[in-house]
Amino acid sequence: MEMRHEAPDILLSDLNMPGMSGFELLSVVRRRYPAVLVIAMSGAFSSDQVPCGVTADAFFPKGSGVAILMRKIESLTLSNRQLRQITEPMWIQPNGHNTTGAEFVTIACPDCLRTFPQVITRAADLIRETNCIFCQRSIYYAVVEPLNPAFPPRYQPVPRCDPPRTRSSQSQIEEC
């Protein structure tokens, strides 16, 4: 089945495949089809936990038996899928002004991974929507201002000091 036309409810994928690794496939599936529940499987890992770097909801060690696989599938709840169907907006800082003087941001499409400029309109909505100019995917984003340099001091990095070289290292540390 081609996932572009109809996405499955659950995808079971080996991590070691010819052409495209399962790590790559699962990453693409998670990005493009966040509602699809994913189970990764492999003979190279023996733990029941999802291996580090694998974007999957569950892990099935090969050779564990069909009963264990069925329990994994049953453990993937509908509520987990419904929570992931909510599209998360991208948080983007303004890039400045274009040649016409309009303020803009640069958006990176999560599907085709290409970037394009988007003029910022003075909309009242915090979350905005646009379509990728290349693949037409709907993209949600929010424009955020850069951090204010007058941020509260407790959140500022600790200043580095350059103590005089003639003192002992202990007195230098005490001064900082």
Protein backbone atom coordinates (compact mmCIF):
# COMPACT_ATOMS: atom_id res chain seq x y z
CA MET A 1 0.00 0.00 0.00
CA GLU A 2 1.27 3.47 -0.82
CA MET A 3 1.07 5.64 2.29
CA ARG A 4 0.57 8.87 0.35
CA HIS A 5 -2.99 7.83 -0.54
CA GLU A 6 -4.01 5.94 2.58
CA ALA A 7 -2.04 5.83 5.82
CA PRO A 8 -2.28 2.67 7.93
CA ASP A 9 -3.31 2.67 11.60
CA ILE A 10 -0.18 0.72 12.61
CA LEU A 11 3.18 0.24 10.90
CA LEU A 12 5.49 -2.65 11.82
CA SER A 13 8.96 -2.10 10.38
CA ASP A 14 12.30 -3.87 10.58
CA LEU A 15 15.23 -1.58 11.35
CA ASN A 16 17.55 -3.38 8.92
CA MET A 17 16.18 -3.18 5.37
CA PRO A 18 17.72 -2.81 1.91
CA GLY A 19 17.53 0.60 0.25
CA MET A 20 16.35 2.66 3.22
CA SER A 21 17.13 1.85 6.84
CA GLY A 22 14.26 1.40 9.24
CA PHE A 23 15.65 4.30 11.27
CA GLU A 24 15.18 6.57 8.23
CA LEU A 25 11.75 5.17 7.34
CA LEU A 26 10.39 5.58 10.86
CA SER A 27 11.68 9.14 11.06
CA VAL A 28 9.92 10.02 7.79
CA VAL A 29 6.70 8.27 8.85
CA ARG A 30 6.68 10.10 12.20
CA ARG A 31 7.19 13.46 10.49
CA ARG A 32 4.70 12.98 7.64
CA TYR A 33 2.11 10.77 9.34
CA PRO A 34 2.16 11.56 13.08
CA ALA A 35 -1.11 9.64 13.69
CA VAL A 36 0.35 6.31 12.51
CA LEU A 37 1.35 4.10 15.43
CA VAL A 38 4.78 2.62 14.81
CA ILE A 39 6.35 -0.61 16.07
CA ALA A 40 10.02 -1.14 15.25
CA MET A 41 11.49 -4.63 15.19
CA SER A 42 14.99 -6.03 14.98
CA GLY A 43 17.07 -9.04 15.82
CA ALA A 44 20.01 -6.79 16.72
CA PHE A 45 18.44 -5.46 19.93
CA SER A 46 17.28 -7.69 22.77
CA SER A 47 15.50 -5.23 25.08
CA ASP A 48 11.75 -4.64 25.09
CA GLN A 49 12.41 -0.88 25.22
CA VAL A 50 12.57 1.27 22.10
CA PRO A 51 16.29 1.62 21.23
CA CYS A 52 17.86 5.06 21.45
CA GLY A 53 17.45 7.01 18.20
CA VAL A 54 14.43 4.99 16.98
CA THR A 55 11.27 7.04 16.48
CA ALA A 56 8.72 4.37 17.37
CA ASP A 57 5.89 3.90 19.84
CA ALA A 58 6.99 0.36 20.72
CA PHE A 59 9.76 -2.16 20.00
CA PHE A 60 9.43 -5.86 19.17
CA PRO A 61 12.56 -8.05 19.41
CA LYS A 62 12.50 -10.58 16.56
CA GLY A 63 11.89 -14.12 17.72
CA SER A 64 9.79 -13.04 20.73
CA GLY A 65 6.63 -14.65 19.39
CA VAL A 66 3.33 -13.51 17.96
CA ALA A 67 1.65 -13.31 21.40
CA ILE A 68 4.14 -10.64 22.52
CA LEU A 69 3.65 -8.74 19.27
CA MET A 70 -0.12 -8.79 19.76
CA ARG A 71 0.28 -7.45 23.33
CA LYS A 72 2.46 -4.62 21.97
CA ILE A 73 -0.21 -3.75 19.40
CA GLU A 74 -2.96 -3.83 22.04
CA SER A 75 -0.90 -1.60 24.34
CA LEU A 76 -0.82 1.19 21.76
CA THR A 77 -3.86 3.13 22.84
CA LEU A 78 -6.15 5.26 20.75
CA SER A 79 -5.58 8.22 23.08
CA ASN A 80 -1.87 8.25 22.18
CA ARG A 81 -2.78 8.48 18.50
CA GLN A 82 -5.33 11.24 19.06
CA LEU A 83 -2.83 13.33 21.00
CA ARG A 84 -0.31 13.13 18.14
CA GLN A 85 -2.87 14.18 15.51
CA ILE A 86 -2.72 17.74 16.81
CA THR A 87 -0.29 19.54 14.54
CA GLU A 88 2.45 21.29 16.46
CA PRO A 89 3.33 24.75 15.16
CA MET A 90 6.89 25.73 14.31
CA TRP A 91 8.27 28.60 16.39
CA ILE A 92 10.17 30.98 14.12
CA GLN A 93 12.02 34.24 14.73
CA PRO A 94 11.64 37.07 12.19
CA ASN A 95 14.46 37.32 9.64
CA GLY A 96 14.20 41.05 9.04
CA HIS A 97 12.73 42.87 6.06
CA ASN A 98 12.69 41.94 2.38
CA THR A 99 13.45 44.32 -0.52
CA THR A 100 9.96 45.83 -0.35
CA GLY A 101 10.35 46.55 3.38
CA ALA A 102 7.94 43.84 4.54
CA GLU A 103 8.92 41.80 7.60
CA PHE A 104 9.39 38.09 6.85
CA VAL A 105 10.35 34.69 8.26
CA THR A 106 12.02 31.73 6.57
CA ILE A 107 10.02 28.53 6.89
CA ALA A 108 11.51 25.04 6.47
CA CYS A 109 8.87 22.59 5.23
CA PRO A 110 8.84 19.42 7.39
CA ASP A 111 7.77 17.33 4.37
CA CYS A 112 9.99 18.35 1.46
CA LEU A 113 12.65 20.01 3.70
CA ARG A 114 12.95 23.04 1.42
CA THR A 115 12.90 26.59 2.75
CA PHE A 116 10.91 29.57 1.55
CA PRO A 117 10.28 33.14 2.73
CA GLN A 118 6.92 34.07 4.22
CA VAL A 119 5.87 37.69 4.66
CA ILE A 120 4.50 38.33 8.15
CA THR A 121 1.10 39.96 8.18
CA ARG A 122 -0.18 41.69 11.29
CA ALA A 123 -2.68 38.94 12.10
CA ALA A 124 -4.22 38.74 15.55
CA ASP A 125 -3.72 34.96 15.68
CA LEU A 126 -0.69 33.62 17.48
CA ILE A 127 -0.67 30.43 15.39
CA ARG A 128 -0.61 31.09 11.66
CA GLU A 129 -1.03 28.78 8.69
CA THR A 130 0.58 28.76 5.26
CA ASN A 131 1.25 26.25 2.50
CA CYS A 132 4.69 25.18 1.33
CA ILE A 133 5.36 26.83 -2.03
CA PHE A 134 6.98 23.60 -3.27
CA CYS A 135 4.84 20.67 -2.06
CA GLN A 136 1.69 22.55 -0.90
CA ARG A 137 1.76 20.99 2.59
CA SER A 138 -0.14 22.96 5.21
CA ILE A 139 2.27 24.38 7.80
CA TYR A 140 1.39 25.94 11.15
CA TYR A 141 3.83 28.44 12.62
CA ALA A 142 4.13 31.16 15.23
CA VAL A 143 6.41 34.18 15.09
CA VAL A 144 8.39 34.73 18.26
CA GLU A 145 10.60 37.65 19.11
CA PRO A 146 14.28 37.05 19.93
CA LEU A 147 15.19 36.91 23.62
CA ASN A 148 15.23 40.26 25.31
CA PRO A 149 18.74 41.21 26.51
CA ALA A 150 17.13 42.65 29.66
CA PHE A 151 16.09 39.16 30.72
CA PRO A 152 15.94 38.62 34.50
CA PRO A 153 19.49 38.19 35.82
CA ARG A 154 18.85 34.73 37.28
CA TYR A 155 18.35 33.43 33.71
CA GLN A 156 21.44 35.12 32.31
CA PRO A 157 24.63 33.08 31.89
CA VAL A 158 27.21 33.47 34.62
CA PRO A 159 29.71 36.14 33.51
CA ARG A 160 33.23 34.95 32.92
CA CYS A 161 35.96 36.91 34.57
CA ASP A 162 39.50 37.40 33.44
CA PRO A 163 41.40 37.64 36.74
CA PRO A 164 44.91 38.97 36.85
CA ARG A 165 47.55 36.34 36.11
CA THR A 166 49.72 37.21 39.12
CA ARG A 167 47.37 35.80 41.78
CA SER A 168 46.98 32.18 42.80
CA SER A 169 44.26 30.13 41.12
CA GLN A 170 42.32 29.84 44.42
CA SER A 171 42.03 33.61 44.81
CA GLN A 172 41.00 33.87 41.13
CA ILE A 173 38.12 31.45 41.70
CA GLU A 174 36.98 33.35 44.80
CA GLU A 175 36.79 36.62 42.83
CA CYS A 176 34.56 35.15 40.14
